[in-house]
């Protein structure tokens, strides 16, 4: 599912600055499912969250938010062949939101694509 940058930034990144602090680990079953897939299938699944035009390459698990309003959400980076890079937020129910890496960096309180939390 793809949203405009401002809406996506608010929805995806409406998290407290300390949302990734180390505490008791929170699991995300949807994320666990993705981790079990071969890289090619994982990239295809994440690409669908970005849009039909994306051919996903290089999926990268950034981490699962542990605190704040984003607690439990998993974050992945993905490159779309010839069409830029995106971050995908994945909740426990498998619902995904995507935003391009440029807007993520601007709204992510120091977070960047393709970097672990």
PDB file of N, CA and C in Angstrom:
ATOM      1  N   UNK A   1       0.855  -1.157   0.000  1.00  0.00           N
ATOM      2  CA  UNK A   1       0.000   0.000   0.000  1.00  0.00           C
ATOM      3  C   UNK A   1       0.905   1.224   0.000  1.00  0.00           C
ATOM      4  N   UNK A   2       0.666   2.199  -0.844  1.00  0.00           N
ATOM      5  CA  UNK A   2       1.531   3.357  -0.981  1.00  0.00           C
ATOM      6  C   UNK A   2       0.755   4.601  -0.602  1.00  0.00           C
ATOM      7  N   UNK A   3       1.391   5.468   0.178  1.00  0.00           N
ATOM      8  CA  UNK A   3       0.776   6.701   0.623  1.00  0.00           C
ATOM      9  C   UNK A   3       1.654   7.869   0.221  1.00  0.00           C
ATOM     10  N   UNK A   4       1.062   9.083   0.188  1.00  0.00           N
ATOM     11  CA  UNK A   4       1.843  10.280  -0.060  1.00  0.00           C
ATOM     12  C   UNK A   4       2.869  10.449   1.031  1.00  0.00           C
ATOM     13  N   UNK A   5       4.004  11.118   0.753  1.00  0.00           N
ATOM     14  CA  UNK A   5       5.090  11.235   1.711  1.00  0.00           C
ATOM     15  C   UNK A   5       4.671  11.796   3.070  1.00  0.00           C
ATOM     16  N   UNK A   6       3.866  12.829   3.111  1.00  0.00           N
ATOM     17  CA  UNK A   6       3.495  13.424   4.397  1.00  0.00           C
ATOM     18  C   UNK A   6       2.624  12.478   5.214  1.00  0.00           C
ATOM     19  N   UNK A   7       1.663  11.840   4.573  1.00  0.00           N
ATOM     20  CA  UNK A   7       0.783  10.910   5.279  1.00  0.00           C
ATOM     21  C   UNK A   7       1.578   9.695   5.729  1.00  0.00           C
ATOM     22  N   UNK A   8       2.391   9.167   4.842  1.00  0.00           N
ATOM     23  CA  UNK A   8       3.179   7.992   5.184  1.00  0.00           C
ATOM     24  C   UNK A   8       4.156   8.300   6.300  1.00  0.00           C
ATOM     25  N   UNK A   9       4.791   9.453   6.251  1.00  0.00           N
ATOM     26  CA  UNK A   9       5.744   9.810   7.303  1.00  0.00           C
ATOM     27  C   UNK A   9       5.048   9.866   8.649  1.00  0.00           C
ATOM     28  N   UNK A  10       3.869  10.447   8.697  1.00  0.00           N
ATOM     29  CA  UNK A  10       3.125  10.540   9.953  1.00  0.00           C
ATOM     30  C   UNK A  10       2.688   9.163  10.424  1.00  0.00           C
ATOM     31  N   UNK A  11       2.217   8.335   9.512  1.00  0.00           N
ATOM     32  CA  UNK A  11       1.723   7.008   9.881  1.00  0.00           C
ATOM     33  C   UNK A  11       2.857   6.052  10.214  1.00  0.00           C
ATOM     34  N   UNK A  12       3.899   6.052   9.404  1.00  0.00           N
ATOM     35  CA  UNK A  12       4.988   5.106   9.568  1.00  0.00           C
ATOM     36  C   UNK A  12       5.926   5.521  10.676  1.00  0.00           C
ATOM     37  N   UNK A  13       6.120   6.787  10.845  1.00  0.00           N
ATOM     38  CA  UNK A  13       7.180   7.241  11.725  1.00  0.00           C
ATOM     39  C   UNK A  13       6.688   8.105  12.865  1.00  0.00           C
ATOM     40  N   UNK A  14       5.433   7.904  13.262  1.00  0.00           N
ATOM     41  CA  UNK A  14       4.892   8.613  14.407  1.00  0.00           C
ATOM     42  C   UNK A  14       5.338   7.941  15.684  1.00  0.00           C
ATOM     43  N   UNK A  15       6.635   7.804  15.837  1.00  0.00           N
ATOM     44  CA  UNK A  15       7.188   7.089  16.973  1.00  0.00           C
ATOM     45  C   UNK A  15       8.046   8.013  17.815  1.00  0.00           C
ATOM     46  N   UNK A  16       8.167   7.688  19.070  1.00  0.00           N
ATOM     47  CA  UNK A  16       9.021   8.457  19.958  1.00  0.00           C
ATOM     48  C   UNK A  16      10.477   8.233  19.586  1.00  0.00           C
ATOM     49  N   UNK A  17      11.317   9.209  19.891  1.00  0.00           N
ATOM     50  CA  UNK A  17      12.739   9.110  19.558  1.00  0.00           C
ATOM     51  C   UNK A  17      13.371   7.870  20.170  1.00  0.00           C
ATOM     52  N   UNK A  18      12.894   7.423  21.307  1.00  0.00           N
ATOM     53  CA  UNK A  18      13.458   6.251  21.973  1.00  0.00           C
ATOM     54  C   UNK A  18      12.766   4.959  21.607  1.00  0.00           C
ATOM     55  N   UNK A  19      12.057   4.921  20.502  1.00  0.00           N
ATOM     56  CA  UNK A  19      11.255   3.756  20.148  1.00  0.00           C
ATOM     57  C   UNK A  19      12.065   2.495  19.923  1.00  0.00           C
ATOM     58  N   UNK A  20      13.359   2.624  19.773  1.00  0.00           N
ATOM     59  CA  UNK A  20      14.174   1.461  19.459  1.00  0.00           C
ATOM     60  C   UNK A  20      15.119   1.111  20.595  1.00  0.00           C
ATOM     61  N   UNK A  21      14.856   1.630  21.776  1.00  0.00           N
ATOM     62  CA  UNK A  21      15.685   1.331  22.935  1.00  0.00           C
ATOM     63  C   UNK A  21      15.586  -0.148  23.273  1.00  0.00           C
ATOM     64  N   UNK A  22      16.684  -0.693  23.766  1.00  0.00           N
ATOM     65  CA  UNK A  22      16.719  -2.111  24.109  1.00  0.00           C
ATOM     66  C   UNK A  22      15.936  -2.352  25.400  1.00  0.00           C
ATOM     67  N   UNK A  23      14.933  -3.182  25.318  1.00  0.00           N
ATOM     68  CA  UNK A  23      14.153  -3.629  26.460  1.00  0.00           C
ATOM     69  C   UNK A  23      13.842  -5.092  26.208  1.00  0.00           C
ATOM     70  N   UNK A  24      12.888  -5.645  26.931  1.00  0.00           N
ATOM     71  CA  UNK A  24      12.474  -7.014  26.637  1.00  0.00           C
ATOM     72  C   UNK A  24      12.016  -7.066  25.187  1.00  0.00           C
ATOM     73  N   UNK A  25      12.570  -7.986  24.435  1.00  0.00           N
ATOM     74  CA  UNK A  25      12.293  -8.063  23.004  1.00  0.00           C
ATOM     75  C   UNK A  25      10.812  -8.309  22.721  1.00  0.00           C
ATOM     76  N   UNK A  26      10.278  -7.546  21.796  1.00  0.00           N
ATOM     77  CA  UNK A  26       8.905  -7.716  21.329  1.00  0.00           C
ATOM     78  C   UNK A  26       8.963  -8.479  20.016  1.00  0.00           C
ATOM     79  N   UNK A  27       8.180  -9.527  19.910  1.00  0.00           N
ATOM     80  CA  UNK A  27       8.150 -10.320  18.686  1.00  0.00           C
ATOM     81  C   UNK A  27       7.094  -9.789  17.720  1.00  0.00           C
ATOM     82  N   UNK A  28       7.296 -10.057  16.464  1.00  0.00           N
ATOM     83  CA  UNK A  28       6.351  -9.707  15.414  1.00  0.00           C
ATOM     84  C   UNK A  28       6.261 -10.941  14.524  1.00  0.00           C
ATOM     85  N   UNK A  29       5.124 -11.649  14.586  1.00  0.00           N
ATOM     86  CA  UNK A  29       4.967 -12.908  13.833  1.00  0.00           C
ATOM     87  C   UNK A  29       5.052 -12.702  12.331  1.00  0.00           C
ATOM     88  N   UNK A  30       4.565 -11.572  11.843  1.00  0.00           N
ATOM     89  CA  UNK A  30       4.655 -11.294  10.407  1.00  0.00           C
ATOM     90  C   UNK A  30       6.115 -11.160   9.993  1.00  0.00           C
ATOM     91  N   UNK A  31       6.892 -10.516  10.841  1.00  0.00           N
ATOM     92  CA  UNK A  31       8.317 -10.366  10.573  1.00  0.00           C
ATOM     93  C   UNK A  31       9.011 -11.730  10.597  1.00  0.00           C
ATOM     94  N   UNK A  32       8.644 -12.551  11.579  1.00  0.00           N
ATOM     95  CA  UNK A  32       9.226 -13.892  11.678  1.00  0.00           C
ATOM     96  C   UNK A  32       8.932 -14.700  10.418  1.00  0.00           C
ATOM     97  N   UNK A  33       7.723 -14.554   9.886  1.00  0.00           N
ATOM     98  CA  UNK A  33       7.362 -15.228   8.634  1.00  0.00           C
ATOM     99  C   UNK A  33       8.274 -14.774   7.494  1.00  0.00           C
ATOM    100  N   UNK A  34       8.464 -13.463   7.373  1.00  0.00           N
ATOM    101  CA  UNK A  34       9.331 -12.936   6.312  1.00  0.00           C
ATOM    102  C   UNK A  34      10.750 -13.474   6.429  1.00  0.00           C
ATOM    103  N   UNK A  35      11.241 -13.547   7.643  1.00  0.00           N
ATOM    104  CA  UNK A  35      12.610 -14.020   7.855  1.00  0.00           C
ATOM    105  C   UNK A  35      12.797 -15.468   7.414  1.00  0.00           C
ATOM    106  N   UNK A  36      11.722 -16.254   7.400  1.00  0.00           N
ATOM    107  CA  UNK A  36      11.806 -17.653   6.988  1.00  0.00           C
ATOM    108  C   UNK A  36      11.790 -17.817   5.469  1.00  0.00           C
ATOM    109  N   UNK A  37      11.357 -16.784   4.756  1.00  0.00           N
ATOM    110  CA  UNK A  37      11.295 -16.866   3.294  1.00  0.00           C
ATOM    111  C   UNK A  37      12.676 -16.724   2.677  1.00  0.00           C
ATOM    112  N   UNK A  38      12.891 -17.346   1.513  1.00  0.00           N
ATOM    113  CA  UNK A  38      14.126 -17.077   0.774  1.00  0.00           C
ATOM    114  C   UNK A  38      14.163 -15.595   0.389  1.00  0.00           C
ATOM    115  N   UNK A  39      15.345 -15.059   0.224  1.00  0.00           N
ATOM    116  CA  UNK A  39      15.508 -13.626  -0.045  1.00  0.00           C
ATOM    117  C   UNK A  39      14.671 -13.146  -1.230  1.00  0.00           C
ATOM    118  N   UNK A  40      14.599 -13.921  -2.298  1.00  0.00           N
ATOM    119  CA  UNK A  40      13.833 -13.506  -3.478  1.00  0.00           C
ATOM    120  C   UNK A  40      12.339 -13.361  -3.156  1.00  0.00           C
ATOM    121  N   UNK A  41      11.780 -14.308  -2.409  1.00  0.00           N
ATOM    122  CA  UNK A  41      10.362 -14.237  -2.028  1.00  0.00           C
ATOM    123  C   UNK A  41      10.114 -13.100  -1.042  1.00  0.00           C
ATOM    124  N   UNK A  42      11.062 -12.885  -0.137  1.00  0.00           N
ATOM    125  CA  UNK A  42      10.962 -11.778   0.821  1.00  0.00           C
ATOM    126  C   UNK A  42      10.925 -10.444   0.073  1.00  0.00           C
ATOM    127  N   UNK A  43      11.799 -10.290  -0.915  1.00  0.00           N
ATOM    128  CA  UNK A  43      11.838  -9.064  -1.715  1.00  0.00           C
ATOM    129  C   UNK A  43      10.531  -8.867  -2.471  1.00  0.00           C
ATOM    130  N   UNK A  44       9.968  -9.936  -3.009  1.00  0.00           N
ATOM    131  CA  UNK A  44       8.704  -9.830  -3.746  1.00  0.00           C
ATOM    132  C   UNK A  44       7.561  -9.436  -2.812  1.00  0.00           C
ATOM    133  N   UNK A  45       7.520 -10.005  -1.602  1.00  0.00           N
ATOM    134  CA  UNK A  45       6.474  -9.669  -0.640  1.00  0.00           C
ATOM    135  C   UNK A  45       6.557  -8.192  -0.262  1.00  0.00           C
ATOM    136  N   UNK A  46       7.740  -7.719   0.056  1.00  0.00           N
ATOM    137  CA  UNK A  46       7.924  -6.318   0.431  1.00  0.00           C
ATOM    138  C   UNK A  46       7.614  -5.389  -0.744  1.00  0.00           C
ATOM    139  N   UNK A  47       7.956  -5.803  -1.951  1.00  0.00           N
ATOM    140  CA  UNK A  47       7.687  -4.987  -3.145  1.00  0.00           C
ATOM    141  C   UNK A  47       6.194  -4.765  -3.327  1.00  0.00           C
ATOM    142  N   UNK A  48       5.382  -5.756  -3.009  1.00  0.00           N
ATOM    143  CA  UNK A  48       3.926  -5.591  -3.118  1.00  0.00           C
ATOM    144  C   UNK A  48       3.433  -4.498  -2.173  1.00  0.00           C
ATOM    145  N   UNK A  49       4.079  -4.339  -1.042  1.00  0.00           N
ATOM    146  CA  UNK A  49       3.699  -3.285  -0.096  1.00  0.00           C
ATOM    147  C   UNK A  49       4.019  -1.902  -0.660  1.00  0.00           C
ATOM    148  N   UNK A  50       5.009  -1.836  -1.521  1.00  0.00           N
ATOM    149  CA  UNK A  50       5.414  -0.555  -2.114  1.00  0.00           C
ATOM    150  C   UNK A  50       4.548  -0.217  -3.313  1.00  0.00           C
ATOM    151  N   UNK A  51       4.275  -1.188  -4.153  1.00  0.00           N
ATOM    152  CA  UNK A  51       3.429  -0.947  -5.314  1.00  0.00           C
ATOM    153  C   UNK A  51       3.724  -1.913  -6.434  1.00  0.00           C
ATOM    154  N   UNK A  52       2.792  -2.054  -7.336  1.00  0.00           N
ATOM    155  CA  UNK A  52       2.892  -3.019  -8.428  1.00  0.00           C
ATOM    156  C   UNK A  52       4.082  -2.754  -9.339  1.00  0.00           C
ATOM    157  N   UNK A  53       4.545  -1.522  -9.409  1.00  0.00           N
ATOM    158  CA  UNK A  53       5.653  -1.174 -10.292  1.00  0.00           C
ATOM    159  C   UNK A  53       7.009  -1.561  -9.718  1.00  0.00           C
ATOM    160  N   UNK A  54       7.087  -1.943  -8.428  1.00  0.00           N
ATOM    161  CA  UNK A  54       8.361  -2.230  -7.780  1.00  0.00           C
ATOM    162  C   UNK A  54       8.779  -3.679  -8.004  1.00  0.00           C
ATOM    163  N   UNK A  55       9.989  -3.851  -8.497  1.00  0.00           N
ATOM    164  CA  UNK A  55      10.626  -5.161  -8.550  1.00  0.00           C
ATOM    165  C   UNK A  55      11.679  -5.127  -7.453  1.00  0.00           C
ATOM    166  N   UNK A  56      11.374  -5.778  -6.339  1.00  0.00           N
ATOM    167  CA  UNK A  56      12.210  -5.674  -5.151  1.00  0.00           C
ATOM    168  C   UNK A  56      13.519  -6.419  -5.237  1.00  0.00           C
ATOM    169  N   UNK A  57      14.562  -5.758  -4.768  1.00  0.00           N
ATOM    170  CA  UNK A  57      15.886  -6.364  -4.643  1.00  0.00           C
ATOM    171  C   UNK A  57      16.472  -5.947  -3.305  1.00  0.00           C
ATOM    172  N   UNK A  58      17.342  -6.726  -2.766  1.00  0.00           N
ATOM    173  CA  UNK A  58      18.099  -6.400  -1.556  1.00  0.00           C
ATOM    174  C   UNK A  58      17.233  -6.064  -0.338  1.00  0.00           C
ATOM    175  N   UNK A  59      16.361  -6.979   0.109  1.00  0.00           N
ATOM    176  CA  UNK A  59      15.618  -6.707   1.341  1.00  0.00           C
ATOM    177  C   UNK A  59      16.578  -6.692   2.528  1.00  0.00           C
ATOM    178  N   UNK A  60      16.349  -5.775   3.438  1.00  0.00           N
ATOM    179  CA  UNK A  60      17.228  -5.601   4.592  1.00  0.00           C
ATOM    180  C   UNK A  60      16.386  -5.383   5.838  1.00  0.00           C
ATOM    181  N   UNK A  61      16.477  -6.285   6.800  1.00  0.00           N
ATOM    182  CA  UNK A  61      15.730  -6.135   8.043  1.00  0.00           C
ATOM    183  C   UNK A  61      16.431  -5.104   8.918  1.00  0.00           C
ATOM    184  N   UNK A  62      15.706  -4.024   9.223  1.00  0.00           N
ATOM    185  CA  UNK A  62      16.267  -2.966  10.054  1.00  0.00           C
ATOM    186  C   UNK A  62      16.057  -3.253  11.534  1.00  0.00           C
ATOM    187  N   UNK A  63      14.933  -3.850  11.893  1.00  0.00           N
ATOM    188  CA  UNK A  63      14.670  -4.185  13.280  1.00  0.00           C
ATOM    189  C   UNK A  63      13.201  -4.080  13.626  1.00  0.00           C
ATOM    190  N   UNK A  64      12.886  -4.402  14.873  1.00  0.00           N
ATOM    191  CA  UNK A  64      11.529  -4.314  15.407  1.00  0.00           C
ATOM    192  C   UNK A  64      11.545  -3.277  16.523  1.00  0.00           C
ATOM    193  N   UNK A  65      10.667  -2.282  16.416  1.00  0.00           N
ATOM    194  CA  UNK A  65      10.577  -1.248  17.444  1.00  0.00           C
ATOM    195  C   UNK A  65      10.166  -1.890  18.762  1.00  0.00           C
ATOM    196  N   UNK A  66      10.816  -1.493  19.830  1.00  0.00           N
ATOM    197  CA  UNK A  66      10.581  -2.102  21.132  1.00  0.00           C
ATOM    198  C   UNK A  66       9.748  -1.241  22.081  1.00  0.00           C
ATOM    199  N   UNK A  67       9.687   0.060  21.852  1.00  0.00           N
ATOM    200  CA  UNK A  67       8.963   0.955  22.749  1.00  0.00           C
ATOM    201  C   UNK A  67       8.212   2.010  21.942  1.00  0.00           C
ATOM    202  N   UNK A  68       7.423   2.791  22.628  1.00  0.00           N
ATOM    203  CA  UNK A  68       6.711   3.891  21.987  1.00  0.00           C
ATOM    204  C   UNK A  68       5.535   3.422  21.162  1.00  0.00           C
ATOM    205  N   UNK A  69       4.985   4.352  20.402  1.00  0.00           N
ATOM    206  CA  UNK A  69       3.789   4.050  19.611  1.00  0.00           C
ATOM    207  C   UNK A  69       4.053   3.052  18.490  1.00  0.00           C
ATOM    208  N   UNK A  70       5.301   2.853  18.113  1.00  0.00           N
ATOM    209  CA  UNK A  70       5.647   1.916  17.048  1.00  0.00           C
ATOM    210  C   UNK A  70       6.028   0.534  17.581  1.00  0.00           C
ATOM    211  N   UNK A  71       5.963   0.335  18.895  1.00  0.00           N
ATOM    212  CA  UNK A  71       6.394  -0.933  19.494  1.00  0.00           C
ATOM    213  C   UNK A  71       5.735  -2.121  18.800  1.00  0.00           C
ATOM    214  N   UNK A  72       6.552  -3.083  18.428  1.00  0.00           N
ATOM    215  CA  UNK A  72       6.069  -4.288  17.763  1.00  0.00           C
ATOM    216  C   UNK A  72       6.109  -4.225  16.253  1.00  0.00           C
ATOM    217  N   UNK A  73       6.251  -3.043  15.685  1.00  0.00           N
ATOM    218  CA  UNK A  73       6.323  -2.920  14.233  1.00  0.00           C
ATOM    219  C   UNK A  73       7.732  -3.258  13.752  1.00  0.00           C
ATOM    220  N   UNK A  74       7.798  -4.039  12.680  1.00  0.00           N
ATOM    221  CA  UNK A  74       9.079  -4.378  12.055  1.00  0.00           C
ATOM    222  C   UNK A  74       9.333  -3.404  10.915  1.00  0.00           C
ATOM    223  N   UNK A  75      10.593  -3.126  10.667  1.00  0.00           N
ATOM    224  CA  UNK A  75      10.980  -2.195   9.598  1.00  0.00           C
ATOM    225  C   UNK A  75      11.990  -2.871   8.694  1.00  0.00           C
ATOM    226  N   UNK A  76      11.715  -2.773   7.399  1.00  0.00           N
ATOM    227  CA  UNK A  76      12.574  -3.347   6.368  1.00  0.00           C
ATOM    228  C   UNK A  76      12.915  -2.271   5.341  1.00  0.00           C
ATOM    229  N   UNK A  77      14.113  -2.345   4.796  1.00  0.00           N
ATOM    230  CA  UNK A  77      14.489  -1.515   3.657  1.00  0.00           C
ATOM    231  C   UNK A  77      14.466  -2.401   2.422  1.00  0.00           C
ATOM    232  N   UNK A  78      14.153  -1.784   1.289  1.00  0.00           N
ATOM    233  CA  UNK A  78      14.103  -2.528   0.027  1.00  0.00           C
ATOM    234  C   UNK A  78      14.435  -1.596  -1.120  1.00  0.00           C
ATOM    235  N   UNK A  79      15.221  -2.087  -2.049  1.00  0.00           N
ATOM    236  CA  UNK A  79      15.493  -1.361  -3.276  1.00  0.00           C
ATOM    237  C   UNK A  79      14.546  -1.874  -4.349  1.00  0.00           C
ATOM    238  N   UNK A  80      13.942  -0.950  -5.095  1.00  0.00           N
ATOM    239  CA  UNK A  80      13.136  -1.319  -6.256  1.00  0.00           C
ATOM    240  C   UNK A  80      14.019  -1.116  -7.480  1.00  0.00           C
ATOM    241  N   UNK A  81      14.185  -2.141  -8.278  1.00  0.00           N
ATOM    242  CA  UNK A  81      15.074  -2.073  -9.435  1.00  0.00           C
ATOM    243  C   UNK A  81      14.753  -0.850 -10.290  1.00  0.00           C
ATOM    244  N   UNK A  82      15.692   0.058 -10.387  1.00  0.00           N
ATOM    245  CA  UNK A  82      15.536   1.248 -11.212  1.00  0.00           C
ATOM    246  C   UNK A  82      14.544   2.269 -10.697  1.00  0.00           C
ATOM    247  N   UNK A  83      14.056   2.104  -9.450  1.00  0.00           N
ATOM    248  CA  UNK A  83      12.990   2.999  -8.977  1.00  0.00           C
ATOM    249  C   UNK A  83      13.178   3.463  -7.534  1.00  0.00           C
ATOM    250  N   UNK A  84      14.394   3.475  -7.025  1.00  0.00           N
ATOM    251  CA  UNK A  84      14.641   3.999  -5.697  1.00  0.00           C
ATOM    252  C   UNK A  84      14.575   2.962  -4.592  1.00  0.00           C
ATOM    253  N   UNK A  85      14.722   3.468  -3.368  1.00  0.00           N
ATOM    254  CA  UNK A  85      14.712   2.621  -2.184  1.00  0.00           C
ATOM    255  C   UNK A  85      13.643   3.093  -1.212  1.00  0.00           C
ATOM    256  N   UNK A  86      13.114   2.138  -0.446  1.00  0.00           N
ATOM    257  CA  UNK A  86      11.983   2.402   0.438  1.00  0.00           C
ATOM    258  C   UNK A  86      12.178   1.693   1.769  1.00  0.00           C
ATOM    259  N   UNK A  87      11.449   2.175   2.772  1.00  0.00           N
ATOM    260  CA  UNK A  87      11.350   1.471   4.041  1.00  0.00           C
ATOM    261  C   UNK A  87       9.893   1.024   4.185  1.00  0.00           C
ATOM    262  N   UNK A  88       9.712  -0.183   4.673  1.00  0.00           N
ATOM    263  CA  UNK A  88       8.383  -0.760   4.847  1.00  0.00           C
ATOM    264  C   UNK A  88       8.188  -1.038   6.332  1.00  0.00           C
ATOM    265  N   UNK A  89       7.105  -0.526   6.883  1.00  0.00           N
ATOM    266  CA  UNK A  89       6.707  -0.829   8.261  1.00  0.00           C
ATOM    267  C   UNK A  89       5.714  -1.978   8.200  1.00  0.00           C
ATOM    268  N   UNK A  90       5.940  -3.004   8.989  1.00  0.00           N
ATOM    269  CA  UNK A  90       5.115  -4.199   8.988  1.00  0.00           C
ATOM    270  C   UNK A  90       4.597  -4.447  10.396  1.00  0.00           C
ATOM    271  N   UNK A  91       3.269  -4.408  10.558  1.00  0.00           N
ATOM    272  CA  UNK A  91       2.727  -4.659  11.889  1.00  0.00           C
ATOM    273  C   UNK A  91       2.487  -6.157  12.085  1.00  0.00           C
ATOM    274  N   UNK A  92       2.059  -6.507  13.277  1.00  0.00           N
ATOM    275  CA  UNK A  92       1.832  -7.896  13.667  1.00  0.00           C
ATOM    276  C   UNK A  92       0.821  -8.609  12.766  1.00  0.00           C
ATOM    277  N   UNK A  93      -0.136  -7.869  12.204  1.00  0.00           N
ATOM    278  CA  UNK A  93      -1.171  -8.457  11.357  1.00  0.00           C
ATOM    279  C   UNK A  93      -0.737  -8.610   9.902  1.00  0.00           C
ATOM    280  N   UNK A  94       0.482  -8.194   9.594  1.00  0.00           N
ATOM    281  CA  UNK A  94       0.975  -8.279   8.226  1.00  0.00           C
ATOM    282  C   UNK A  94       0.599  -7.081   7.376  1.00  0.00           C
ATOM    283  N   UNK A  95       0.029  -6.055   7.978  1.00  0.00           N
ATOM    284  CA  UNK A  95      -0.309  -4.832   7.251  1.00  0.00           C
ATOM    285  C   UNK A  95       0.968  -4.012   7.090  1.00  0.00           C
ATOM    286  N   UNK A  96       1.149  -3.466   5.905  1.00  0.00           N
ATOM    287  CA  UNK A  96       2.392  -2.767   5.600  1.00  0.00           C
ATOM    288  C   UNK A  96       2.137  -1.359   5.084  1.00  0.00           C
ATOM    289  N   UNK A  97       3.037  -0.467   5.447  1.00  0.00           N
ATOM    290  CA  UNK A  97       3.073   0.896   4.930  1.00  0.00           C
ATOM    291  C   UNK A  97       4.474   1.133   4.395  1.00  0.00           C
ATOM    292  N   UNK A  98       4.581   1.928   3.352  1.00  0.00           N
ATOM    293  CA  UNK A  98       5.893   2.186   2.757  1.00  0.00           C
ATOM    294  C   UNK A  98       6.116   3.675   2.546  1.00  0.00           C
ATOM    295  N   UNK A  99       7.381   4.070   2.625  1.00  0.00           N
ATOM    296  CA  UNK A  99       7.787   5.456   2.376  1.00  0.00           C
ATOM    297  C   UNK A  99       9.182   5.409   1.758  1.00  0.00           C
ATOM    298  N   UNK A 100       9.479   6.356   0.888  1.00  0.00           N
ATOM    299  CA  UNK A 100      10.795   6.354   0.267  1.00  0.00           C
ATOM    300  C   UNK A 100      11.863   6.721   1.299  1.00  0.00           C
ATOM    301  N   UNK A 101      13.085   6.273   1.051  1.00  0.00           N
ATOM    302  CA  UNK A 101      14.173   6.451   2.017  1.00  0.00           C
ATOM    303  C   UNK A 101      14.499   7.916   2.277  1.00  0.00           C
ATOM    304  N   UNK A 102      14.360   8.766   1.282  1.00  0.00           N
ATOM    305  CA  UNK A 102      14.643  10.191   1.472  1.00  0.00           C
ATOM    306  C   UNK A 102      13.705  10.792   2.521  1.00  0.00           C
ATOM    307  N   UNK A 103      12.419  10.522   2.398  1.00  0.00           N
ATOM    308  CA  UNK A 103      11.455  11.025   3.377  1.00  0.00           C
ATOM    309  C   UNK A 103      11.617  10.345   4.734  1.00  0.00           C
ATOM    310  N   UNK A 104      11.990   9.080   4.736  1.00  0.00           N
ATOM    311  CA  UNK A 104      12.244   8.382   5.989  1.00  0.00           C
ATOM    312  C   UNK A 104      13.379   9.047   6.756  1.00  0.00           C
ATOM    313  N   UNK A 105      14.450   9.346   6.057  1.00  0.00           N
ATOM    314  CA  UNK A 105      15.598   9.985   6.709  1.00  0.00           C
ATOM    315  C   UNK A 105      15.202  11.343   7.277  1.00  0.00           C
ATOM    316  N   UNK A 106      14.402  12.097   6.530  1.00  0.00           N
ATOM    317  CA  UNK A 106      13.974  13.421   6.982  1.00  0.00           C
ATOM    318  C   UNK A 106      13.054  13.343   8.202  1.00  0.00           C
ATOM    319  N   UNK A 107      12.242  12.301   8.286  1.00  0.00           N
ATOM    320  CA  UNK A 107      11.245  12.197   9.363  1.00  0.00           C
ATOM    321  C   UNK A 107      11.594  11.165  10.426  1.00  0.00           C
ATOM    322  N   UNK A 108      12.679  10.429  10.251  1.00  0.00           N
ATOM    323  CA  UNK A 108      12.969   9.274  11.095  1.00  0.00           C
ATOM    324  C   UNK A 108      13.794   9.502  12.335  1.00  0.00           C
ATOM    325  N   UNK A 109      13.927  10.730  12.784  1.00  0.00           N
ATOM    326  CA  UNK A 109      14.673  10.997  14.025  1.00  0.00           C
ATOM    327  C   UNK A 109      16.036  10.317  14.050  1.00  0.00           C
ATOM    328  N   UNK A 110      16.803  10.513  12.962  1.00  0.00           N
ATOM    329  CA  UNK A 110      18.145   9.951  12.897  1.00  0.00           C
ATOM    330  C   UNK A 110      18.217   8.548  12.327  1.00  0.00           C
ATOM    331  N   UNK A 111      17.093   7.955  12.005  1.00  0.00           N
ATOM    332  CA  UNK A 111      17.082   6.612  11.418  1.00  0.00           C
ATOM    333  C   UNK A 111      17.260   6.731   9.906  1.00  0.00           C
ATOM    334  N   UNK A 112      17.902   5.722   9.315  1.00  0.00           N
ATOM    335  CA  UNK A 112      18.113   5.698   7.873  1.00  0.00           C
ATOM    336  C   UNK A 112      17.845   4.310   7.330  1.00  0.00           C
ATOM    337  N   UNK A 113      17.510   4.238   6.059  1.00  0.00           N
ATOM    338  CA  UNK A 113      17.325   2.947   5.396  1.00  0.00           C
ATOM    339  C   UNK A 113      18.632   2.160   5.405  1.00  0.00           C
ATOM    340  N   UNK A 114      18.492   0.871   5.377  1.00  0.00           N
ATOM    341  CA  UNK A 114      19.601  -0.063   5.286  1.00  0.00           C
ATOM    342  C   UNK A 114      20.581   0.027   6.448  1.00  0.00           C
ATOM    343  N   UNK A 115      20.069   0.437   7.621  1.00  0.00           N
ATOM    344  CA  UNK A 115      20.862   0.457   8.847  1.00  0.00           C
ATOM    345  C   UNK A 115      20.051  -0.198   9.951  1.00  0.00           C
ATOM    346  N   UNK A 116      20.697  -1.064  10.727  1.00  0.00           N
ATOM    347  CA  UNK A 116      20.029  -1.708  11.866  1.00  0.00           C
ATOM    348  C   UNK A 116      19.735  -0.675  12.924  1.00  0.00           C
ATOM    349  N   UNK A 117      18.655  -0.899  13.671  1.00  0.00           N
ATOM    350  CA  UNK A 117      18.328  -0.035  14.803  1.00  0.00           C
ATOM    351  C   UNK A 117      19.337  -0.278  15.903  1.00  0.00           C
TER     352      UNK A 117
END
